[in-house]
């Protein structure tokens, strides 16, 4: 819920968001699910957050968790880059007295098994079982972007969130990475669709491989 403080320190609810966890997200640690909720809210309510200081009300501090990691990679690195663009301040849930906030938390309680982790406690809450990313190989000779788009559509449909993508077309790979400009007008819609699908993934790596090495890997899609 996004709320705005009005006169007499009262809150007015501006927006409600809801999102279902899918795929690997179901296995996230509780603190990472809170981080994901914050990232989702930022993506959807960017127009509210760009011009104001935002107070993030939660039982745990997702901002501190993300930005205090000694080594950032994968989705945490992507989340950290997003958070740094905004003026975010963490406020513990227990100190918030506003009625709108209180009503919201009363209607949406945290599961009892999560426990109290206001100060980012230990190993149990931060443990994440990290699986190897999926791999996808696409043949650039098959109508250039269409093979890549087809593979990405299949991946998102089955809930894949992390993926290493390899193709033998330097043109497509470098255009996706932003190193080459898309000059052919007929390729622009395909390029835009590929970027749209890539943005639905949490962690991606796109690389070029020789055609002789362009074969399906162990966890290929």
N, C-alpha and C. Protein backbone atom coordinates (compact mmCIF):
# COMPACT_ATOMS: atom_id res chain seq x y z
N UNK A 1 0.83 -1.19 0.00
CA UNK A 1 0.00 0.00 0.00
C UNK A 1 0.87 1.25 0.00
N UNK A 2 0.52 2.20 -0.85
CA UNK A 2 1.18 3.51 -0.86
C UNK A 2 0.24 4.50 -0.20
N UNK A 3 0.73 5.17 0.87
CA UNK A 3 -0.09 6.12 1.62
C UNK A 3 0.60 7.48 1.66
N UNK A 4 -0.19 8.52 1.76
CA UNK A 4 0.32 9.89 1.83
C UNK A 4 -0.16 10.54 3.11
N UNK A 5 0.78 11.20 3.83
CA UNK A 5 0.40 11.89 5.06
C UNK A 5 -0.25 13.22 4.70
N UNK A 6 -1.42 13.47 5.28
CA UNK A 6 -2.14 14.73 5.04
C UNK A 6 -2.22 15.51 6.34
N UNK A 7 -3.20 16.38 6.48
CA UNK A 7 -3.27 17.25 7.66
C UNK A 7 -3.46 16.42 8.92
N UNK A 8 -2.96 17.00 10.05
CA UNK A 8 -3.07 16.37 11.37
C UNK A 8 -2.43 14.99 11.40
N UNK A 9 -1.40 14.79 10.57
CA UNK A 9 -0.62 13.54 10.55
C UNK A 9 -1.50 12.31 10.26
N UNK A 10 -2.55 12.52 9.51
CA UNK A 10 -3.38 11.41 9.08
C UNK A 10 -2.87 10.90 7.74
N UNK A 11 -3.14 9.63 7.48
CA UNK A 11 -2.71 9.04 6.22
C UNK A 11 -3.89 8.78 5.30
N UNK A 12 -3.63 8.95 4.03
CA UNK A 12 -4.63 8.65 3.01
C UNK A 12 -4.05 7.61 2.07
N UNK A 13 -4.72 6.50 1.93
CA UNK A 13 -4.24 5.45 1.03
C UNK A 13 -4.36 5.92 -0.42
N UNK A 14 -3.26 5.82 -1.16
CA UNK A 14 -3.24 6.25 -2.56
C UNK A 14 -3.38 5.08 -3.53
N UNK A 15 -2.74 3.97 -3.18
CA UNK A 15 -2.65 2.89 -4.15
C UNK A 15 -2.44 1.56 -3.44
N UNK A 16 -3.07 0.53 -3.96
CA UNK A 16 -2.86 -0.82 -3.45
C UNK A 16 -2.29 -1.68 -4.58
N UNK A 17 -1.32 -2.50 -4.25
CA UNK A 17 -0.73 -3.40 -5.23
C UNK A 17 -0.76 -4.82 -4.69
N UNK A 18 -0.89 -5.77 -5.58
CA UNK A 18 -0.84 -7.17 -5.19
C UNK A 18 -0.13 -7.96 -6.27
N UNK A 19 0.69 -8.90 -5.86
CA UNK A 19 1.44 -9.69 -6.83
C UNK A 19 1.66 -11.09 -6.27
N UNK A 20 1.49 -12.10 -7.09
CA UNK A 20 1.68 -13.48 -6.68
C UNK A 20 3.11 -13.92 -6.94
N UNK A 21 3.71 -14.60 -5.98
CA UNK A 21 5.05 -15.15 -6.18
C UNK A 21 4.96 -16.31 -7.16
N UNK A 22 5.93 -16.38 -8.06
CA UNK A 22 5.93 -17.45 -9.07
C UNK A 22 7.31 -18.08 -9.16
N UNK A 23 7.34 -19.32 -9.60
CA UNK A 23 8.60 -19.99 -9.88
C UNK A 23 9.56 -20.00 -8.70
N UNK A 24 10.81 -19.60 -8.99
CA UNK A 24 11.86 -19.61 -7.97
C UNK A 24 11.60 -18.63 -6.84
N UNK A 25 10.74 -17.64 -7.06
CA UNK A 25 10.42 -16.66 -6.02
C UNK A 25 9.83 -17.32 -4.78
N UNK A 26 9.16 -18.45 -4.98
CA UNK A 26 8.55 -19.15 -3.86
C UNK A 26 9.60 -19.66 -2.88
N UNK A 27 10.83 -19.83 -3.36
CA UNK A 27 11.91 -20.34 -2.52
C UNK A 27 12.78 -19.24 -1.93
N UNK A 28 12.44 -17.98 -2.18
CA UNK A 28 13.21 -16.88 -1.61
C UNK A 28 13.11 -16.92 -0.09
N UNK A 29 14.17 -16.45 0.58
CA UNK A 29 14.11 -16.25 2.02
C UNK A 29 13.08 -15.17 2.34
N UNK A 30 12.49 -15.17 3.54
CA UNK A 30 11.47 -14.16 3.87
C UNK A 30 11.92 -12.73 3.63
N UNK A 31 13.17 -12.39 3.99
CA UNK A 31 13.65 -11.02 3.79
C UNK A 31 13.73 -10.70 2.30
N UNK A 32 14.06 -11.68 1.45
CA UNK A 32 14.14 -11.43 0.01
C UNK A 32 12.76 -11.23 -0.59
N UNK A 33 11.75 -11.87 -0.01
CA UNK A 33 10.38 -11.65 -0.49
C UNK A 33 9.94 -10.22 -0.17
N UNK A 34 10.37 -9.70 0.98
CA UNK A 34 10.07 -8.30 1.30
C UNK A 34 10.79 -7.38 0.32
N UNK A 35 12.05 -7.70 0.01
CA UNK A 35 12.80 -6.90 -0.96
C UNK A 35 12.12 -6.91 -2.32
N UNK A 36 11.66 -8.08 -2.73
CA UNK A 36 10.96 -8.19 -4.01
C UNK A 36 9.70 -7.35 -4.02
N UNK A 37 8.97 -7.34 -2.90
CA UNK A 37 7.77 -6.51 -2.81
C UNK A 37 8.10 -5.04 -2.97
N UNK A 38 9.21 -4.59 -2.35
CA UNK A 38 9.62 -3.19 -2.48
C UNK A 38 9.99 -2.87 -3.92
N UNK A 39 10.76 -3.74 -4.55
CA UNK A 39 11.17 -3.51 -5.94
C UNK A 39 9.95 -3.46 -6.85
N UNK A 40 9.00 -4.36 -6.63
CA UNK A 40 7.78 -4.37 -7.43
C UNK A 40 7.01 -3.06 -7.26
N UNK A 41 6.92 -2.59 -6.01
CA UNK A 41 6.21 -1.34 -5.75
C UNK A 41 6.89 -0.16 -6.44
N UNK A 42 8.23 -0.13 -6.41
CA UNK A 42 8.96 0.95 -7.06
C UNK A 42 8.70 0.95 -8.56
N UNK A 43 8.71 -0.23 -9.16
CA UNK A 43 8.50 -0.32 -10.60
C UNK A 43 7.11 0.15 -11.00
N UNK A 44 6.11 -0.14 -10.17
CA UNK A 44 4.74 0.22 -10.50
C UNK A 44 4.38 1.65 -10.12
N UNK A 45 5.03 2.17 -9.07
CA UNK A 45 4.66 3.50 -8.54
C UNK A 45 5.80 4.49 -8.72
N UNK A 46 6.57 4.32 -9.77
CA UNK A 46 7.75 5.17 -9.99
C UNK A 46 7.39 6.65 -10.00
N UNK A 47 6.23 6.99 -10.55
CA UNK A 47 5.85 8.40 -10.67
C UNK A 47 5.62 9.04 -9.32
N UNK A 48 5.24 8.25 -8.31
CA UNK A 48 5.11 8.79 -6.95
C UNK A 48 6.48 8.98 -6.30
N UNK A 49 7.39 8.08 -6.58
CA UNK A 49 8.64 8.00 -5.82
C UNK A 49 9.73 8.93 -6.33
N UNK A 50 9.62 9.38 -7.56
CA UNK A 50 10.68 10.19 -8.13
C UNK A 50 10.80 11.56 -7.47
N UNK A 51 9.72 12.10 -6.97
CA UNK A 51 9.73 13.49 -6.50
C UNK A 51 9.63 13.61 -4.98
N UNK A 52 9.62 12.50 -4.25
CA UNK A 52 9.40 12.57 -2.82
C UNK A 52 10.33 11.62 -2.07
N UNK A 53 10.55 11.92 -0.80
CA UNK A 53 11.19 10.96 0.10
C UNK A 53 10.15 9.91 0.47
N UNK A 54 10.51 8.65 0.31
CA UNK A 54 9.57 7.56 0.55
C UNK A 54 9.96 6.82 1.83
N UNK A 55 9.01 6.68 2.75
CA UNK A 55 9.22 5.93 3.98
C UNK A 55 8.71 4.51 3.77
N UNK A 56 9.62 3.55 3.86
CA UNK A 56 9.29 2.15 3.66
C UNK A 56 8.96 1.54 5.01
N UNK A 57 7.72 1.14 5.19
CA UNK A 57 7.26 0.60 6.47
C UNK A 57 7.23 -0.92 6.37
N UNK A 58 8.00 -1.58 7.23
CA UNK A 58 8.10 -3.03 7.16
C UNK A 58 8.66 -3.58 8.46
N UNK A 59 8.45 -4.87 8.71
CA UNK A 59 9.04 -5.50 9.89
C UNK A 59 10.55 -5.63 9.75
N UNK A 60 11.04 -5.75 8.54
CA UNK A 60 12.49 -5.85 8.29
C UNK A 60 12.90 -4.77 7.32
N UNK A 61 14.18 -4.44 7.31
CA UNK A 61 14.69 -3.35 6.49
C UNK A 61 15.23 -3.89 5.17
N UNK A 62 14.43 -3.87 4.10
CA UNK A 62 14.92 -4.40 2.82
C UNK A 62 16.02 -3.54 2.22
N UNK A 63 16.01 -2.24 2.51
CA UNK A 63 17.03 -1.34 1.95
C UNK A 63 18.40 -1.68 2.52
N UNK A 64 18.47 -1.84 3.83
CA UNK A 64 19.74 -2.19 4.48
C UNK A 64 20.22 -3.56 4.04
N UNK A 65 19.29 -4.50 3.92
CA UNK A 65 19.66 -5.86 3.52
C UNK A 65 20.34 -5.86 2.16
N UNK A 66 19.74 -5.16 1.20
CA UNK A 66 20.29 -5.16 -0.16
C UNK A 66 21.61 -4.41 -0.23
N UNK A 67 21.64 -3.20 0.35
CA UNK A 67 22.80 -2.33 0.17
C UNK A 67 23.96 -2.69 1.09
N UNK A 68 23.74 -3.54 2.09
CA UNK A 68 24.83 -3.90 3.00
C UNK A 68 25.48 -5.23 2.65
N UNK A 69 25.03 -5.87 1.58
CA UNK A 69 25.67 -7.14 1.21
C UNK A 69 27.10 -6.87 0.75
N UNK A 70 28.08 -7.65 1.24
CA UNK A 70 29.47 -7.42 0.84
C UNK A 70 29.73 -7.66 -0.64
N UNK A 71 29.01 -8.62 -1.22
CA UNK A 71 29.15 -8.93 -2.64
C UNK A 71 27.76 -8.99 -3.24
N UNK A 72 27.54 -8.18 -4.23
CA UNK A 72 26.24 -8.16 -4.89
C UNK A 72 26.35 -8.80 -6.27
N UNK A 73 25.45 -9.70 -6.55
CA UNK A 73 25.41 -10.32 -7.87
C UNK A 73 23.98 -10.71 -8.17
N UNK A 74 23.72 -10.99 -9.41
CA UNK A 74 22.40 -11.45 -9.79
C UNK A 74 21.32 -10.45 -9.46
N UNK A 75 20.22 -10.96 -8.90
CA UNK A 75 19.06 -10.10 -8.65
C UNK A 75 19.35 -9.03 -7.61
N UNK A 76 20.22 -9.32 -6.60
CA UNK A 76 20.53 -8.31 -5.59
C UNK A 76 21.22 -7.11 -6.22
N UNK A 77 22.12 -7.34 -7.16
CA UNK A 77 22.79 -6.23 -7.84
C UNK A 77 21.78 -5.40 -8.64
N UNK A 78 20.86 -6.08 -9.29
CA UNK A 78 19.84 -5.39 -10.07
C UNK A 78 18.94 -4.57 -9.15
N UNK A 79 18.57 -5.15 -8.01
CA UNK A 79 17.72 -4.43 -7.06
C UNK A 79 18.45 -3.23 -6.47
N UNK A 80 19.74 -3.41 -6.15
CA UNK A 80 20.51 -2.32 -5.56
C UNK A 80 20.59 -1.13 -6.51
N UNK A 81 20.80 -1.37 -7.79
CA UNK A 81 20.85 -0.29 -8.77
C UNK A 81 19.53 0.47 -8.82
N UNK A 82 18.42 -0.26 -8.68
CA UNK A 82 17.11 0.39 -8.71
C UNK A 82 16.88 1.23 -7.46
N UNK A 83 17.23 0.69 -6.28
CA UNK A 83 16.99 1.39 -5.03
C UNK A 83 17.78 2.68 -4.94
N UNK A 84 18.99 2.69 -5.49
CA UNK A 84 19.86 3.87 -5.38
C UNK A 84 19.32 5.08 -6.14
N UNK A 85 18.36 4.86 -7.00
CA UNK A 85 17.80 5.97 -7.78
C UNK A 85 16.80 6.80 -6.98
N UNK A 86 16.37 6.30 -5.81
CA UNK A 86 15.28 6.94 -5.09
C UNK A 86 15.70 7.27 -3.65
N UNK A 87 14.99 8.22 -3.08
CA UNK A 87 15.23 8.64 -1.69
C UNK A 87 14.33 7.80 -0.79
N UNK A 88 14.87 6.67 -0.32
CA UNK A 88 14.10 5.72 0.48
C UNK A 88 14.61 5.71 1.91
N UNK A 89 13.70 5.72 2.86
CA UNK A 89 14.03 5.70 4.28
C UNK A 89 13.22 4.59 4.94
N UNK A 90 13.91 3.70 5.66
CA UNK A 90 13.22 2.61 6.33
C UNK A 90 12.62 3.08 7.65
N UNK A 91 11.37 2.68 7.92
CA UNK A 91 10.70 2.97 9.18
C UNK A 91 10.16 1.65 9.72
N UNK A 92 10.60 1.22 10.93
CA UNK A 92 10.08 -0.04 11.49
C UNK A 92 8.57 0.00 11.63
N UNK A 93 7.94 -1.10 11.34
CA UNK A 93 6.48 -1.16 11.41
C UNK A 93 5.97 -0.80 12.80
N UNK A 94 6.70 -1.21 13.84
CA UNK A 94 6.19 -1.04 15.20
C UNK A 94 6.13 0.41 15.65
N UNK A 95 6.83 1.34 14.95
CA UNK A 95 6.80 2.74 15.36
C UNK A 95 5.77 3.54 14.58
N UNK A 96 5.13 2.92 13.60
CA UNK A 96 4.14 3.63 12.81
C UNK A 96 2.80 3.62 13.52
N UNK A 97 2.21 4.81 13.72
CA UNK A 97 0.96 4.94 14.45
C UNK A 97 -0.22 5.33 13.55
N UNK A 98 0.05 5.61 12.28
CA UNK A 98 -1.02 6.07 11.40
C UNK A 98 -2.11 5.03 11.24
N UNK A 99 -3.35 5.47 11.20
CA UNK A 99 -4.48 4.55 11.14
C UNK A 99 -4.53 3.78 9.84
N UNK A 100 -4.24 4.46 8.72
CA UNK A 100 -4.28 3.77 7.43
C UNK A 100 -3.26 2.65 7.38
N UNK A 101 -2.04 2.93 7.86
CA UNK A 101 -1.00 1.90 7.89
C UNK A 101 -1.39 0.78 8.85
N UNK A 102 -1.88 1.15 10.04
CA UNK A 102 -2.26 0.15 11.03
C UNK A 102 -3.36 -0.76 10.50
N UNK A 103 -4.34 -0.16 9.82
CA UNK A 103 -5.44 -0.96 9.26
C UNK A 103 -4.92 -1.91 8.20
N UNK A 104 -3.99 -1.43 7.39
CA UNK A 104 -3.45 -2.27 6.32
C UNK A 104 -2.73 -3.48 6.90
N UNK A 105 -1.86 -3.27 7.91
CA UNK A 105 -1.13 -4.39 8.50
C UNK A 105 -2.05 -5.32 9.27
N UNK A 106 -3.13 -4.79 9.81
CA UNK A 106 -4.09 -5.65 10.49
C UNK A 106 -4.78 -6.59 9.51
N UNK A 107 -5.03 -6.09 8.30
CA UNK A 107 -5.67 -6.91 7.27
C UNK A 107 -4.69 -7.81 6.53
N UNK A 108 -3.38 -7.50 6.62
CA UNK A 108 -2.36 -8.27 5.90
C UNK A 108 -1.24 -8.65 6.87
N UNK A 109 -1.52 -9.52 7.84
CA UNK A 109 -0.48 -9.86 8.82
C UNK A 109 0.64 -10.68 8.21
N UNK A 110 1.85 -10.54 8.79
CA UNK A 110 2.97 -11.36 8.40
C UNK A 110 2.77 -12.77 8.94
N UNK A 111 3.18 -13.82 8.20
CA UNK A 111 3.05 -15.18 8.72
C UNK A 111 3.81 -15.33 10.02
N UNK A 112 3.22 -16.07 10.97
CA UNK A 112 3.84 -16.22 12.26
C UNK A 112 5.20 -16.87 12.22
N UNK A 113 5.44 -17.74 11.26
CA UNK A 113 6.70 -18.47 11.21
C UNK A 113 7.87 -17.59 10.81
N UNK A 114 7.59 -16.40 10.28
CA UNK A 114 8.70 -15.53 9.87
C UNK A 114 9.45 -15.01 11.07
N UNK A 115 8.74 -14.66 12.13
CA UNK A 115 9.40 -14.20 13.34
C UNK A 115 9.82 -12.75 13.25
N UNK A 116 10.51 -12.29 14.28
CA UNK A 116 10.93 -10.89 14.38
C UNK A 116 12.36 -10.74 13.90
N UNK A 117 12.56 -9.97 12.82
CA UNK A 117 13.92 -9.80 12.32
C UNK A 117 14.15 -8.35 11.94
N UNK A 118 13.79 -7.43 12.85
CA UNK A 118 13.91 -6.01 12.58
C UNK A 118 15.35 -5.59 12.32
N UNK A 119 16.29 -6.18 13.02
CA UNK A 119 17.68 -5.76 12.92
C UNK A 119 18.51 -6.69 12.04
N UNK A 120 17.86 -7.32 11.09
CA UNK A 120 18.55 -8.21 10.16
C UNK A 120 19.34 -9.28 10.89
N UNK A 121 18.66 -10.22 11.53
CA UNK A 121 19.37 -11.23 12.27
C UNK A 121 20.02 -12.22 11.35
N UNK A 122 20.19 -13.41 11.90
CA UNK A 122 21.25 -14.27 11.41
C UNK A 122 21.01 -15.16 10.23
N UNK A 123 21.75 -16.22 10.26
CA UNK A 123 21.94 -17.04 9.09
C UNK A 123 20.66 -17.70 8.62
N UNK A 124 19.78 -18.05 9.57
CA UNK A 124 18.58 -18.75 9.17
C UNK A 124 17.71 -17.90 8.26
N UNK A 125 17.57 -16.63 8.57
CA UNK A 125 16.69 -15.77 7.80
C UNK A 125 17.31 -15.41 6.45
N UNK A 126 18.65 -15.44 6.36
CA UNK A 126 19.31 -15.04 5.13
C UNK A 126 19.69 -16.21 4.24
N UNK A 127 19.43 -17.41 4.66
CA UNK A 127 19.83 -18.56 3.87
C UNK A 127 19.00 -18.64 2.59
N UNK A 128 19.67 -18.76 1.48
CA UNK A 128 18.99 -18.91 0.19
C UNK A 128 19.66 -20.05 -0.57
N UNK A 129 18.86 -20.96 -1.04
CA UNK A 129 19.38 -22.06 -1.84
C UNK A 129 19.49 -21.58 -3.28
N UNK A 130 20.72 -21.30 -3.72
CA UNK A 130 20.93 -20.72 -5.05
C UNK A 130 21.14 -21.84 -6.06
N UNK A 131 20.27 -21.90 -7.04
CA UNK A 131 20.38 -22.89 -8.09
C UNK A 131 21.09 -22.31 -9.30
N UNK A 132 21.76 -23.16 -10.09
CA UNK A 132 22.40 -22.65 -11.31
C UNK A 132 21.36 -22.05 -12.23
N UNK A 133 21.73 -21.00 -12.97
CA UNK A 133 20.75 -20.39 -13.88
C UNK A 133 20.44 -21.31 -15.04
N UNK A 134 19.28 -21.11 -15.62
CA UNK A 134 18.94 -21.81 -16.84
C UNK A 134 19.82 -21.27 -17.97
N UNK A 135 19.98 -22.10 -18.99
CA UNK A 135 20.76 -21.70 -20.16
C UNK A 135 19.89 -21.80 -21.41
N UNK A 136 20.04 -20.82 -22.28
CA UNK A 136 19.33 -20.83 -23.54
C UNK A 136 20.29 -20.50 -24.67
N UNK A 137 20.25 -21.29 -25.72
CA UNK A 137 21.07 -21.05 -26.91
C UNK A 137 20.12 -20.79 -28.09
N UNK A 138 20.36 -19.72 -28.82
CA UNK A 138 19.51 -19.45 -29.98
C UNK A 138 20.38 -19.31 -31.24
N UNK A 139 19.80 -19.74 -32.34
CA UNK A 139 20.48 -19.73 -33.63
C UNK A 139 20.12 -18.46 -34.37
N UNK A 140 21.08 -17.57 -34.51
CA UNK A 140 20.82 -16.28 -35.14
C UNK A 140 20.53 -16.37 -36.62
N UNK A 141 20.82 -17.52 -37.22
CA UNK A 141 20.55 -17.64 -38.66
C UNK A 141 19.07 -17.89 -38.94
N UNK A 142 18.32 -18.23 -37.87
CA UNK A 142 16.89 -18.51 -38.06
C UNK A 142 16.08 -17.23 -37.86
N UNK A 143 16.03 -16.42 -38.90
CA UNK A 143 15.25 -15.17 -38.88
C UNK A 143 15.66 -14.28 -37.72
N UNK A 144 16.92 -14.19 -37.43
CA UNK A 144 17.56 -13.29 -36.47
C UNK A 144 16.89 -13.30 -35.10
N UNK A 145 16.01 -12.34 -34.79
CA UNK A 145 15.47 -12.18 -33.45
C UNK A 145 14.40 -13.21 -33.08
N UNK A 146 13.79 -13.83 -34.05
CA UNK A 146 12.62 -14.65 -33.75
C UNK A 146 12.95 -15.85 -32.88
N UNK A 147 14.12 -16.46 -33.07
CA UNK A 147 14.51 -17.59 -32.24
C UNK A 147 14.71 -17.14 -30.79
N UNK A 148 15.33 -15.98 -30.60
CA UNK A 148 15.54 -15.44 -29.25
C UNK A 148 14.21 -15.14 -28.58
N UNK A 149 13.30 -14.49 -29.28
CA UNK A 149 12.01 -14.13 -28.72
C UNK A 149 11.21 -15.37 -28.36
N UNK A 150 11.22 -16.38 -29.22
CA UNK A 150 10.48 -17.61 -28.95
C UNK A 150 11.01 -18.28 -27.68
N UNK A 151 12.33 -18.33 -27.54
CA UNK A 151 12.92 -18.95 -26.35
C UNK A 151 12.58 -18.18 -25.09
N UNK A 152 12.61 -16.85 -25.16
CA UNK A 152 12.28 -16.03 -23.99
C UNK A 152 10.81 -16.18 -23.60
N UNK A 153 9.94 -16.25 -24.58
CA UNK A 153 8.52 -16.43 -24.29
C UNK A 153 8.28 -17.76 -23.58
N UNK A 154 8.94 -18.81 -24.04
CA UNK A 154 8.79 -20.12 -23.39
C UNK A 154 9.31 -20.07 -21.97
N UNK A 155 10.44 -19.38 -21.77
CA UNK A 155 11.04 -19.31 -20.44
C UNK A 155 10.14 -18.58 -19.45
N UNK A 156 9.59 -17.44 -19.86
CA UNK A 156 8.73 -16.67 -18.96
C UNK A 156 7.44 -17.41 -18.66
N UNK A 157 6.95 -18.18 -19.62
CA UNK A 157 5.70 -18.92 -19.41
C UNK A 157 5.85 -20.00 -18.34
N UNK A 158 7.06 -20.57 -18.21
CA UNK A 158 7.25 -21.63 -17.20
C UNK A 158 7.86 -21.08 -15.92
N UNK A 159 8.00 -19.75 -15.84
CA UNK A 159 8.42 -19.14 -14.58
C UNK A 159 9.91 -19.02 -14.37
N UNK A 160 10.71 -19.13 -15.43
CA UNK A 160 12.16 -18.97 -15.29
C UNK A 160 12.47 -17.51 -14.95
N UNK A 161 13.36 -17.29 -13.96
CA UNK A 161 13.70 -15.93 -13.54
C UNK A 161 15.17 -15.59 -13.79
N UNK A 162 16.06 -16.59 -13.76
CA UNK A 162 17.49 -16.38 -13.97
C UNK A 162 17.93 -17.19 -15.19
N UNK A 163 18.69 -16.55 -16.09
CA UNK A 163 19.04 -17.27 -17.33
C UNK A 163 20.33 -16.73 -17.94
N UNK A 164 21.14 -17.65 -18.42
CA UNK A 164 22.30 -17.32 -19.26
C UNK A 164 21.89 -17.57 -20.71
N UNK A 165 22.04 -16.55 -21.55
CA UNK A 165 21.58 -16.62 -22.94
C UNK A 165 22.77 -16.50 -23.88
N UNK A 166 22.86 -17.43 -24.81
CA UNK A 166 23.97 -17.44 -25.75
C UNK A 166 23.44 -17.54 -27.17
N UNK A 167 24.02 -16.76 -28.07
CA UNK A 167 23.63 -16.83 -29.47
C UNK A 167 24.84 -16.66 -30.37
N UNK A 168 24.73 -17.15 -31.60
CA UNK A 168 25.86 -17.06 -32.53
C UNK A 168 25.76 -15.85 -33.46
N UNK A 169 24.77 -14.98 -33.22
CA UNK A 169 24.64 -13.76 -34.00
C UNK A 169 25.22 -12.58 -33.21
N UNK A 170 26.38 -12.09 -33.63
CA UNK A 170 26.97 -10.93 -32.96
C UNK A 170 26.06 -9.72 -33.06
N UNK A 171 25.35 -9.60 -34.17
CA UNK A 171 24.46 -8.46 -34.37
C UNK A 171 23.38 -8.43 -33.30
N UNK A 172 22.66 -9.55 -33.14
CA UNK A 172 21.57 -9.61 -32.18
C UNK A 172 22.09 -9.44 -30.76
N UNK A 173 23.16 -10.15 -30.41
CA UNK A 173 23.70 -10.08 -29.06
C UNK A 173 24.12 -8.66 -28.71
N UNK A 174 24.83 -8.00 -29.60
CA UNK A 174 25.32 -6.66 -29.31
C UNK A 174 24.20 -5.62 -29.33
N UNK A 175 23.17 -5.84 -30.13
CA UNK A 175 22.03 -4.93 -30.10
C UNK A 175 21.25 -5.08 -28.80
N UNK A 176 21.11 -6.29 -28.32
CA UNK A 176 20.42 -6.52 -27.05
C UNK A 176 21.21 -5.90 -25.91
N UNK A 177 22.53 -5.98 -25.97
CA UNK A 177 23.38 -5.42 -24.92
C UNK A 177 23.51 -3.91 -25.02
N UNK A 178 22.99 -3.33 -26.09
CA UNK A 178 23.05 -1.88 -26.26
C UNK A 178 24.35 -1.38 -26.86
N UNK A 179 25.19 -2.30 -27.34
CA UNK A 179 26.48 -1.91 -27.92
C UNK A 179 26.35 -1.55 -29.40
N UNK A 180 25.35 -2.11 -30.06
CA UNK A 180 25.08 -1.78 -31.46
C UNK A 180 23.72 -1.08 -31.54
N UNK A 181 23.62 -0.11 -32.43
CA UNK A 181 22.35 0.55 -32.68
C UNK A 181 21.53 -0.27 -33.67
N UNK A 182 20.23 -0.30 -33.46
CA UNK A 182 19.33 -1.00 -34.38
C UNK A 182 18.96 -0.04 -35.49
N UNK A 183 19.54 -0.23 -36.65
CA UNK A 183 19.35 0.71 -37.76
C UNK A 183 18.25 0.27 -38.72
N UNK A 184 18.05 -1.03 -38.87
CA UNK A 184 17.01 -1.52 -39.78
C UNK A 184 15.65 -1.35 -39.14
N UNK A 185 14.78 -0.63 -39.79
CA UNK A 185 13.47 -0.35 -39.21
C UNK A 185 12.66 -1.63 -38.98
N UNK A 186 12.84 -2.63 -39.84
CA UNK A 186 12.05 -3.85 -39.67
C UNK A 186 12.51 -4.67 -38.47
N UNK A 187 13.71 -4.37 -37.93
CA UNK A 187 14.19 -5.09 -36.75
C UNK A 187 13.80 -4.41 -35.44
N UNK A 188 13.40 -3.16 -35.51
CA UNK A 188 13.11 -2.41 -34.27
C UNK A 188 12.01 -3.06 -33.44
N UNK A 189 10.87 -3.47 -34.03
CA UNK A 189 9.84 -4.11 -33.21
C UNK A 189 10.33 -5.40 -32.54
N UNK A 190 11.15 -6.18 -33.26
CA UNK A 190 11.68 -7.41 -32.69
C UNK A 190 12.64 -7.10 -31.55
N UNK A 191 13.47 -6.09 -31.74
CA UNK A 191 14.41 -5.68 -30.69
C UNK A 191 13.67 -5.23 -29.44
N UNK A 192 12.63 -4.43 -29.61
CA UNK A 192 11.85 -3.94 -28.49
C UNK A 192 11.15 -5.08 -27.76
N UNK A 193 10.63 -6.05 -28.50
CA UNK A 193 9.97 -7.19 -27.88
C UNK A 193 10.96 -8.04 -27.08
N UNK A 194 12.16 -8.22 -27.64
CA UNK A 194 13.19 -8.99 -26.93
C UNK A 194 13.57 -8.31 -25.62
N UNK A 195 13.74 -6.99 -25.63
CA UNK A 195 14.08 -6.25 -24.41
C UNK A 195 12.94 -6.33 -23.40
N UNK A 196 11.72 -6.27 -23.87
CA UNK A 196 10.56 -6.38 -22.98
C UNK A 196 10.56 -7.72 -22.24
N UNK A 197 10.86 -8.78 -22.96
CA UNK A 197 10.90 -10.11 -22.34
C UNK A 197 12.09 -10.25 -21.40
N UNK A 198 13.23 -9.69 -21.79
CA UNK A 198 14.42 -9.76 -20.93
C UNK A 198 14.19 -9.02 -19.62
N UNK A 199 13.45 -7.93 -19.67
CA UNK A 199 13.18 -7.16 -18.46
C UNK A 199 12.28 -7.89 -17.48
N UNK A 200 11.62 -8.96 -17.93
CA UNK A 200 10.79 -9.75 -17.03
C UNK A 200 11.60 -10.74 -16.21
N UNK A 201 12.89 -10.89 -16.54
CA UNK A 201 13.77 -11.79 -15.80
C UNK A 201 14.50 -11.01 -14.72
N UNK A 202 14.88 -11.70 -13.65
CA UNK A 202 15.59 -11.06 -12.55
C UNK A 202 17.08 -10.94 -12.82
N UNK A 203 17.66 -11.99 -13.37
CA UNK A 203 19.12 -12.03 -13.56
C UNK A 203 19.41 -12.65 -14.91
N UNK A 204 20.09 -11.92 -15.77
CA UNK A 204 20.39 -12.42 -17.11
C UNK A 204 21.85 -12.18 -17.45
N UNK A 205 22.36 -13.04 -18.30
CA UNK A 205 23.67 -12.84 -18.91
C UNK A 205 23.51 -13.17 -20.38
N UNK A 206 23.89 -12.25 -21.24
CA UNK A 206 23.79 -12.45 -22.69
C UNK A 206 25.18 -12.45 -23.28
N UNK A 207 25.53 -13.49 -24.01
CA UNK A 207 26.86 -13.59 -24.57
C UNK A 207 26.85 -14.22 -25.95
N UNK A 208 27.95 -14.00 -26.67
CA UNK A 208 28.10 -14.55 -28.02
C UNK A 208 28.94 -15.81 -27.97
N UNK A 209 28.53 -16.80 -28.76
CA UNK A 209 29.30 -18.03 -28.89
C UNK A 209 29.46 -18.35 -30.37
N UNK A 210 30.55 -18.98 -30.76
CA UNK A 210 30.69 -19.40 -32.16
C UNK A 210 29.61 -20.40 -32.53
N UNK A 211 29.28 -20.48 -33.79
CA UNK A 211 28.21 -21.38 -34.20
C UNK A 211 28.55 -22.83 -33.86
N UNK A 212 29.83 -23.17 -33.89
CA UNK A 212 30.22 -24.55 -33.56
C UNK A 212 29.95 -24.90 -32.10
N UNK A 213 29.89 -23.86 -31.25
CA UNK A 213 29.65 -24.08 -29.82
C UNK A 213 28.20 -23.83 -29.43
N UNK A 214 27.38 -23.51 -30.41
CA UNK A 214 25.99 -23.14 -30.12
C UNK A 214 25.14 -24.41 -30.04
N UNK A 215 25.20 -25.05 -28.90
CA UNK A 215 24.42 -26.25 -28.67
C UNK A 215 23.82 -26.19 -27.28
N UNK A 216 22.81 -27.02 -27.06
CA UNK A 216 22.09 -27.00 -25.79
C UNK A 216 22.97 -27.44 -24.64
N UNK A 217 22.87 -26.71 -23.51
CA UNK A 217 23.64 -27.03 -22.33
C UNK A 217 22.87 -27.95 -21.40
N UNK A 218 23.42 -28.14 -20.22
CA UNK A 218 22.86 -29.07 -19.25
C UNK A 218 21.45 -28.70 -18.83
N UNK A 219 21.19 -27.39 -18.61
CA UNK A 219 19.85 -26.96 -18.18
C UNK A 219 19.28 -26.01 -19.24
N UNK A 220 19.42 -26.42 -20.48
CA UNK A 220 19.01 -25.54 -21.57
C UNK A 220 17.51 -25.41 -21.63
N UNK A 221 17.10 -24.29 -22.19
CA UNK A 221 15.67 -24.05 -22.40
C UNK A 221 15.43 -24.00 -23.89
